Amino acid sequence: MSFTLLSSPLQGFTDFRFRNAQNKIFGGIDTFYSPYIRLNGKLEIKNSYHRDLLLENNDTLEVIPQVITNDAEEFLFVAKYVRELGYKELNWNLGCPYPMVTKSGMGSGLIKNTEQINNILDRAHSETDIIVSMKMRLGYDTTEEILDVLPILDTYPIKNIAIHARIGKQLYKGGVHLDAFQQCIDNTKHKLYYNGDITSVAKFHEMQERFPSIDHWMIGRGLIADPFLPSMIKNNTTEYPKNKMELFSAFHDTLYEGYSESLSGQTHILLKMHHLWEYFSVIFSNPHKVHKNIKKAKSIRNYEATVKEIIAKEK
């Protein structure tokens, strides 16, 4: 069965620089979702969001913008904004698990509020021509919460629902709830995408066997940790290319140059790269040591030398 691979949006990671570098050097992702737009009560778009979605910054990619909100006016405002940029679809985030989001009744913290979900979808479909898709968790406190939402979603022409098979309270800890995801398949007429713990080719095959009706697969943290993964899944191989480190080095350097131009000051650049290496270190033969050495690099010069040394050793 043919399938589609999607990049799940991760705030602070999958911006246009990451998307372009991953697509150019590794490939394998069919559609990227941009990190969410959050308005915080003000009907204005931050420059960073605008830059991330400009068509000229995404001209070789298929990108779908995302919004996080619990307010119909905000949703309509963002829908109008992305339409003006040239996008036809807006993905609504009901999945974010972070307490600062969920405590405000957004992300996975909104799943219990079926009335508000219905109100926003009603207005989105009656007052705009935007195509609506959704990204959700199974609930915030329990995996049953989504089962109260699915009948409401079935009354709207939603393009698809991507479900991360965890609850919000878990953040990214503990396992995925595969039986609960199956219940979603059994209880909706909508097209579902699977998201959660696709971190290797073997894991992907395991999920394919478990859910034979699913043909859209979303990769989140697995893509940042291993940018080779989508193309390896597409090529059905567990073998990394012979020039693995040359490709990784080109990817790293592209990101590093991009962030060095856009971020001000050594501290911000190093912080950004340190966060990325929390994931990158996974594809090295001694992840713990690699991550430890990167964390020790407190200046740009040290950082550059450390990266060079790590890559040379791995070769």
Protein backbone atom coordinates (compact mmCIF):
# COMPACT_ATOMS: atom_id res chain seq x y z
CA MET A 1 0.00 0.00 0.00
CA SER A 2 1.32 3.44 -0.87
CA PHE A 3 1.62 5.88 2.02
CA THR A 4 2.35 9.51 2.81
CA LEU A 5 4.85 10.80 5.37
CA LEU A 6 4.19 14.05 7.20
CA SER A 7 6.33 16.15 9.48
CA SER A 8 4.60 16.91 12.75
CA PRO A 9 5.10 20.53 13.85
CA LEU A 10 7.37 21.02 16.87
CA GLN A 11 7.57 24.49 18.34
CA GLY A 12 11.14 25.81 18.25
CA PHE A 13 12.38 23.08 15.93
CA THR A 14 10.58 22.60 12.61
CA ASP A 15 10.73 26.15 11.26
CA PHE A 16 11.36 26.92 7.57
CA ARG A 17 15.14 26.62 7.95
CA PHE A 18 14.85 23.11 9.36
CA ARG A 19 12.20 22.11 6.79
CA ASN A 20 14.24 23.33 3.83
CA ALA A 21 17.49 21.75 5.02
CA GLN A 22 15.84 18.41 5.79
CA ASN A 23 14.03 18.36 2.46
CA LYS A 24 17.08 19.32 0.39
CA ILE A 25 19.62 17.00 2.03
CA PHE A 26 17.53 13.97 3.03
CA GLY A 27 14.00 14.21 1.60
CA GLY A 28 11.28 11.66 2.32
CA ILE A 29 8.69 13.99 3.86
CA ASP A 30 5.70 14.68 1.60
CA THR A 31 4.05 17.43 3.66
CA PHE A 32 5.37 19.64 6.46
CA TYR A 33 3.15 21.26 9.11
CA SER A 34 4.48 24.57 10.37
CA PRO A 35 4.71 25.22 14.13
CA TYR A 36 1.50 26.80 15.43
CA ILE A 37 0.52 30.45 15.36
CA ARG A 38 -0.57 31.60 18.82
CA LEU A 39 -2.14 35.06 19.15
CA ASN A 40 -2.62 35.43 22.92
CA GLY A 41 -5.68 37.65 22.58
CA LYS A 42 -4.11 40.17 20.18
CA LEU A 43 -5.22 40.01 16.56
CA GLU A 44 -1.70 40.51 15.19
CA ILE A 45 0.75 38.15 13.52
CA LYS A 46 4.29 38.12 14.91
CA ASN A 47 7.12 38.67 12.42
CA SER A 48 8.59 35.25 13.24
CA TYR A 49 5.32 33.54 12.21
CA HIS A 50 5.10 35.64 9.06
CA ARG A 51 8.68 34.83 8.04
CA ASP A 52 8.08 31.14 8.68
CA LEU A 53 5.07 31.00 6.36
CA LEU A 54 6.17 33.28 3.51
CA LEU A 55 5.82 31.30 0.29
CA GLU A 56 9.30 32.41 -0.81
CA ASN A 57 10.75 30.69 2.28
CA ASN A 58 8.88 27.46 1.48
CA ASP A 59 8.96 27.40 -2.31
CA THR A 60 10.16 23.79 -2.67
CA LEU A 61 7.94 22.40 0.11
CA GLU A 62 4.32 21.51 0.67
CA VAL A 63 3.51 23.29 3.94
CA ILE A 64 0.30 23.49 5.96
CA PRO A 65 0.02 26.31 8.53
CA GLN A 66 -1.26 25.57 12.03
CA VAL A 67 -3.11 27.62 14.65
CA ILE A 68 -3.57 27.04 18.38
CA THR A 69 -6.54 28.83 19.92
CA ASN A 70 -9.77 28.38 21.88
CA ASP A 71 -11.33 31.52 20.42
CA ALA A 72 -13.42 31.69 17.22
CA GLU A 73 -12.36 35.29 16.41
CA GLU A 74 -8.68 34.29 16.58
CA PHE A 75 -9.32 31.27 14.38
CA LEU A 76 -11.09 33.39 11.76
CA PHE A 77 -8.35 36.03 11.88
CA VAL A 78 -5.61 33.44 11.26
CA ALA A 79 -7.70 31.72 8.57
CA LYS A 80 -8.02 35.03 6.69
CA TYR A 81 -4.29 35.72 7.13
CA VAL A 82 -3.12 32.35 5.74
CA ARG A 83 -5.60 32.59 2.83
CA GLU A 84 -4.09 35.97 1.93
CA LEU A 85 -0.62 34.37 1.96
CA GLY A 86 -1.85 31.78 -0.53
CA TYR A 87 -2.61 28.78 1.70
CA LYS A 88 -5.89 26.87 1.31
CA GLU A 89 -5.74 24.79 4.50
CA LEU A 90 -5.37 25.58 8.20
CA ASN A 91 -4.61 22.89 10.76
CA TRP A 92 -6.08 23.38 14.23
CA ASN A 93 -3.92 22.19 17.14
CA LEU A 94 -5.78 20.33 19.88
CA GLY A 95 -2.71 18.32 20.71
CA CYS A 96 -0.10 20.47 22.45
CA PRO A 97 0.49 18.94 25.91
CA TYR A 98 2.53 21.68 27.58
CA PRO A 99 1.02 23.02 30.84
CA MET A 100 1.42 26.70 29.87
CA VAL A 101 -0.86 25.95 26.88
CA THR A 102 -3.28 23.45 28.43
CA LYS A 103 -3.88 25.59 31.54
CA SER A 104 -5.18 28.30 29.20
CA GLY A 105 -7.68 25.80 27.79
CA MET A 106 -5.84 25.34 24.50
CA GLY A 107 -4.13 22.43 22.77
CA SER A 108 -5.01 19.11 24.43
CA GLY A 109 -6.53 21.16 27.28
CA LEU A 110 -9.44 22.05 24.95
CA ILE A 111 -10.47 18.47 24.07
CA LYS A 112 -12.94 18.27 26.99
CA ASN A 113 -14.68 21.47 25.89
CA THR A 114 -16.92 20.01 23.18
CA GLU A 115 -19.20 23.06 23.08
CA GLN A 116 -16.32 25.41 22.29
CA ILE A 117 -14.90 23.03 19.67
CA ASN A 118 -18.31 22.91 17.99
CA ASN A 119 -18.66 26.72 18.09
CA ILE A 120 -15.25 27.33 16.48
CA LEU A 121 -15.80 24.70 13.76
CA ASP A 122 -19.27 26.06 13.03
CA ARG A 123 -17.94 29.56 12.50
CA ALA A 124 -14.86 28.37 10.57
CA HIS A 125 -17.08 26.50 8.11
CA SER A 126 -19.81 29.13 7.81
CA GLU A 127 -17.66 32.29 7.74
CA THR A 128 -14.53 31.26 5.78
CA ASP A 129 -13.64 29.07 2.80
CA ILE A 130 -10.55 27.66 4.55
CA ILE A 131 -10.10 23.87 4.50
CA VAL A 132 -9.87 22.76 8.14
CA SER A 133 -7.75 19.84 9.33
CA MET A 134 -6.96 18.92 12.92
CA LYS A 135 -4.15 17.60 15.07
CA MET A 136 -5.21 16.11 18.39
CA ARG A 137 -4.28 13.91 21.30
CA LEU A 138 -6.64 11.26 22.66
CA GLY A 139 -7.58 13.58 25.52
CA TYR A 140 -5.91 15.45 28.34
CA ASP A 141 -6.74 13.26 31.37
CA THR A 142 -8.08 10.11 29.71
CA THR A 143 -8.09 8.42 26.30
CA GLU A 144 -11.92 8.45 26.31
CA GLU A 145 -12.18 12.23 25.99
CA ILE A 146 -11.69 12.15 22.21
CA LEU A 147 -14.69 9.80 21.85
CA ASP A 148 -17.00 12.66 22.92
CA VAL A 149 -15.45 14.95 20.29
CA LEU A 150 -15.51 12.62 17.28
CA PRO A 151 -19.33 12.74 16.77
CA ILE A 152 -19.12 16.56 16.65
CA LEU A 153 -16.23 16.45 14.16
CA ASP A 154 -18.27 14.05 12.01
CA THR A 155 -20.81 16.84 11.38
CA TYR A 156 -18.17 18.99 9.59
CA PRO A 157 -16.24 18.46 6.34
CA ILE A 158 -12.86 18.26 8.10
CA LYS A 159 -10.09 17.19 5.71
CA ASN A 160 -8.35 14.85 8.18
CA ILE A 161 -7.56 14.36 11.86
CA ALA A 162 -3.98 13.56 12.89
CA ILE A 163 -4.00 11.86 16.28
CA HIS A 164 -0.97 11.62 18.54
CA ALA A 165 -1.79 8.44 20.45
CA ARG A 166 -1.05 9.83 23.92
CA ILE A 167 -2.98 11.97 26.40
CA GLY A 168 -1.86 15.51 27.20
CA LYS A 169 -0.96 14.70 30.79
CA GLN A 170 1.72 12.29 29.57
CA LEU A 171 3.61 15.00 27.65
CA TYR A 172 5.99 12.67 25.77
CA LYS A 173 6.44 10.12 28.56
CA GLY A 174 5.12 6.58 28.70
CA GLY A 175 3.91 4.54 25.78
CA VAL A 176 1.39 5.29 23.05
CA HIS A 177 -2.19 3.99 23.46
CA LEU A 178 -2.71 1.86 20.38
CA ASP A 179 -6.03 0.31 21.44
CA ALA A 180 -7.42 3.80 22.05
CA PHE A 181 -6.25 4.88 18.58
CA GLN A 182 -8.06 1.85 17.10
CA GLN A 183 -11.21 3.00 18.93
CA CYS A 184 -10.92 6.33 17.11
CA ILE A 185 -10.68 4.51 13.75
CA ASP A 186 -13.84 2.58 14.71
CA ASN A 187 -15.75 5.70 15.81
CA THR A 188 -15.32 8.28 13.06
CA LYS A 189 -16.06 8.64 9.37
CA HIS A 190 -13.10 11.03 8.97
CA LYS A 191 -9.70 10.18 7.53
CA LEU A 192 -7.22 9.66 10.39
CA TYR A 193 -3.45 10.13 10.36
CA TYR A 194 -1.31 8.33 12.95
CA ASN A 195 1.30 10.18 15.04
CA GLY A 196 3.46 8.97 17.95
CA ASP A 197 6.75 7.14 18.47
CA ILE A 198 7.70 6.48 14.83
CA THR A 199 11.42 6.52 15.60
CA SER A 200 12.77 3.77 13.33
CA VAL A 201 11.97 1.83 10.17
CA ALA A 202 11.11 -1.22 12.32
CA LYS A 203 8.70 0.86 14.44
CA PHE A 204 7.06 2.19 11.27
CA HIS A 205 6.49 -1.36 9.97
CA GLU A 206 5.08 -2.37 13.35
CA MET A 207 2.54 0.47 13.19
CA GLN A 208 1.67 -0.32 9.57
CA GLU A 209 0.87 -3.89 10.55
CA ARG A 210 -1.16 -2.74 13.55
CA PHE A 211 -3.22 -0.22 11.53
CA PRO A 212 -3.50 -1.47 7.93
CA SER A 213 -6.19 1.11 7.04
CA ILE A 214 -3.89 4.07 7.84
CA ASP A 215 -1.90 5.48 4.92
CA HIS A 216 -0.76 8.85 6.37
CA TRP A 217 1.97 8.74 9.02
CA MET A 218 3.23 11.72 10.98
CA ILE A 219 6.77 11.84 12.35
CA GLY A 220 7.60 14.33 15.10
CA ARG A 221 10.58 13.99 17.41
CA GLY A 222 11.78 10.99 15.37
CA LEU A 223 12.46 13.32 12.44
CA ILE A 224 14.55 15.77 14.46
CA ALA A 225 16.52 12.96 16.10
CA ASP A 226 17.07 11.19 12.79
CA PRO A 227 16.58 13.31 9.66
CA PHE A 228 17.52 10.23 7.58
CA LEU A 229 14.44 8.35 8.82
CA PRO A 230 11.79 9.42 6.23
CA SER A 231 13.93 8.50 3.22
CA MET A 232 14.93 5.21 4.88
CA ILE A 233 11.24 4.41 5.44
CA LYS A 234 10.47 5.30 1.81
CA ASN A 235 13.36 3.13 0.56
CA ASN A 236 12.44 0.35 3.00
CA THR A 237 15.98 0.06 4.35
CA THR A 238 17.57 0.07 7.80
CA GLU A 239 20.99 0.85 6.30
CA TYR A 240 22.26 4.41 6.55
CA PRO A 241 23.95 5.79 3.41
CA LYS A 242 27.73 5.29 3.16
CA ASN A 243 28.24 9.06 3.35
CA LYS A 244 26.06 9.38 6.47
CA MET A 245 28.35 11.83 8.27
CA GLU A 246 28.98 13.99 5.19
CA LEU A 247 25.22 14.38 4.77
CA PHE A 248 24.67 15.06 8.47
CA SER A 249 27.53 17.59 8.44
CA ALA A 250 25.97 19.44 5.46
CA PHE A 251 22.60 19.46 7.27
CA HIS A 252 24.12 20.73 10.52
CA ASP A 253 26.13 23.44 8.75
CA THR A 254 23.09 24.67 6.80
CA LEU A 255 21.10 25.00 10.02
CA TYR A 256 23.99 26.52 11.94
CA GLU A 257 24.62 29.17 9.27
CA GLY A 258 20.91 29.98 9.05
CA TYR A 259 20.50 30.40 12.80
CA SER A 260 23.76 32.35 13.09
CA GLU A 261 22.33 34.88 10.61
CA SER A 262 18.88 35.11 12.19
CA LEU A 263 19.60 34.94 15.93
CA SER A 264 21.37 37.69 17.77
CA GLY A 265 24.26 36.89 20.07
CA GLN A 266 26.33 33.85 20.92
CA THR A 267 24.02 32.74 23.78
CA HIS A 268 20.93 32.47 21.56
CA ILE A 269 22.77 30.60 18.80
CA LEU A 270 24.35 28.12 21.23
CA LEU A 271 21.04 27.56 23.03
CA LYS A 272 19.33 26.80 19.73
CA MET A 273 22.05 24.34 18.66
CA HIS A 274 22.23 22.71 22.12
CA HIS A 275 18.47 22.00 21.94
CA LEU A 276 18.87 20.44 18.50
CA TRP A 277 21.73 18.23 19.68
CA GLU A 278 19.52 16.78 22.43
CA TYR A 279 17.90 15.02 19.47
CA PHE A 280 20.80 14.80 16.97
CA SER A 281 23.02 12.90 19.42
CA VAL A 282 20.74 9.83 19.04
CA ILE A 283 22.20 8.89 15.63
CA PHE A 284 25.78 8.75 16.96
CA SER A 285 27.41 5.61 18.35
CA ASN A 286 27.78 7.17 21.82
CA PRO A 287 24.78 9.53 22.20
CA HIS A 288 25.36 10.32 25.87
CA LYS A 289 28.98 11.35 25.35
CA VAL A 290 28.17 13.38 22.24
CA HIS A 291 25.42 15.31 24.03
CA LYS A 292 27.65 15.85 27.07
CA ASN A 293 30.47 17.28 24.92
CA ILE A 294 28.09 19.61 23.08
CA LYS A 295 26.71 20.90 26.40
CA LYS A 296 30.25 21.67 27.55
CA ALA A 297 30.82 23.98 24.56
CA LYS A 298 30.13 27.40 26.04
CA SER A 299 31.52 29.56 23.21
CA ILE A 300 31.04 29.62 19.45
CA ARG A 301 34.66 28.64 18.86
CA ASN A 302 34.41 25.68 21.26
CA TYR A 303 31.11 24.63 19.76
CA GLU A 304 32.46 24.60 16.20
CA ALA A 305 35.56 22.65 17.24
CA THR A 306 33.47 20.13 19.22
CA VAL A 307 31.11 19.48 16.31
CA LYS A 308 34.06 19.00 13.95
CA GLU A 309 35.65 16.52 16.32
CA ILE A 310 32.40 14.57 16.92
CA ILE A 311 31.78 14.18 13.19
CA ALA A 312 35.42 13.26 12.42
CA LYS A 313 35.39 10.55 15.14
CA GLU A 314 32.09 9.11 13.89
CA LYS A 315 33.43 8.84 10.34
